[in-house]
């Protein structure tokens, strides 16, 4: 089937989402079935507004530079299309003879693909739709990991390594809030910052394990009593005793998919730090908080090579699946070797399998105490992230008398 191809990017940007984009472009350029290769500006909104760019005109050199650049070069959105939007999409696609649509994004983007695909079938519109996975949350079903996650995990681990060094130099309690609405994959990556037994983060709180705020303070007090300091990693989606995220009581704004906005605010960290200051048995101790923020998604210079390689691969493979016949689906990633240099392969599953729902961290990756991770998780993550910077400490042998 010959026709034009449209690519869009959606949801939160990542450090390697452009690798997937370039993977699609460069593979599509090899095949005559794809007459035109166009980028939709700001995801589905670009289609509705007929806002396209010609991707065939880009040079090889510029494409490779774009591939290594973080964030979504085409722009992104979080728009959830209704039936009227989908009908408009078909009109635009018919107008421009678009027969292939590739959407790079997370579970909400997969849901968008599923909605468009179902309505296309209903109206007997021939269109091949492929969802290409990406999300720093690492919560897509059917995937060993999601492109974007290893690089963001590397950023989080590096940030906590730096914050722990700061906390050693100027001891106190430090609470850092990490992205992660429903699943704690990214917050859990902070554990890679530890190279010595006394290193932080000393406590890691994930959405999968609700907390009692009194217990939270006690955990911090116990660590502080032992080390004279405490570094804490908290997911933005961490739930209270009621099972609802603590941040939902602070932030009421919702996106078009119904998600409460948890990122972009330091309110959760301030809430927890204030509670610790008020209720800790170590009154007067230094308590600070930071929210790692949007830099987790698109920080230049920190990316996982495994992440970049697989992100490019899923883009290329999506095009190859599109050439196999009248099929649609979501590209998935499987790990077929478990050594320090893992090998990955792709598969194609129905869009419905990936759309909307999320994948929590499995129980085997979460420590029984509820505020740490297991060695199994570290074994899973370390090959994805790669080697982190080395750090040294002085022996600091005490002397009785200056010579």
Foldseek 3Di string as FASTA:
>chain_A
DAFAEEEEEADFWFQQLLLLVLLQVVLPVVDRSHPFYWYQAAGLVSLLVVPIDGPVPDDPVVSVVSRRATTDPRHHYLDQDDLVSLVSSLVSCVVRRHAEYEYEEAQSRLQSQVNSVVVCVVVVNHHAYEYEFADLQQWFPPALGTQRVLLLLLVLLVVLLVVQVVCVVPPFEEEEEEEHAQACSSLQSVVNSDDDPLTDQPWTAILVFAEALVVVLVSQLVNCVVPVHHYYYYYLNHHHPVSGRPQCVVFPDADNVGDTDRADDCVVVVVSQVVNQVPHPPHPTDYYYYYPGSCSGGPRPGGFPLSNVVSSVSSNVRVVVVVPDRHYFYKYKDWPDQDLQTDIDIDGDHSVSRHDDTHYDDPQQADPVNTHGDVVSVSSSDSRNDDHDDDDDDPPDDDPDDD
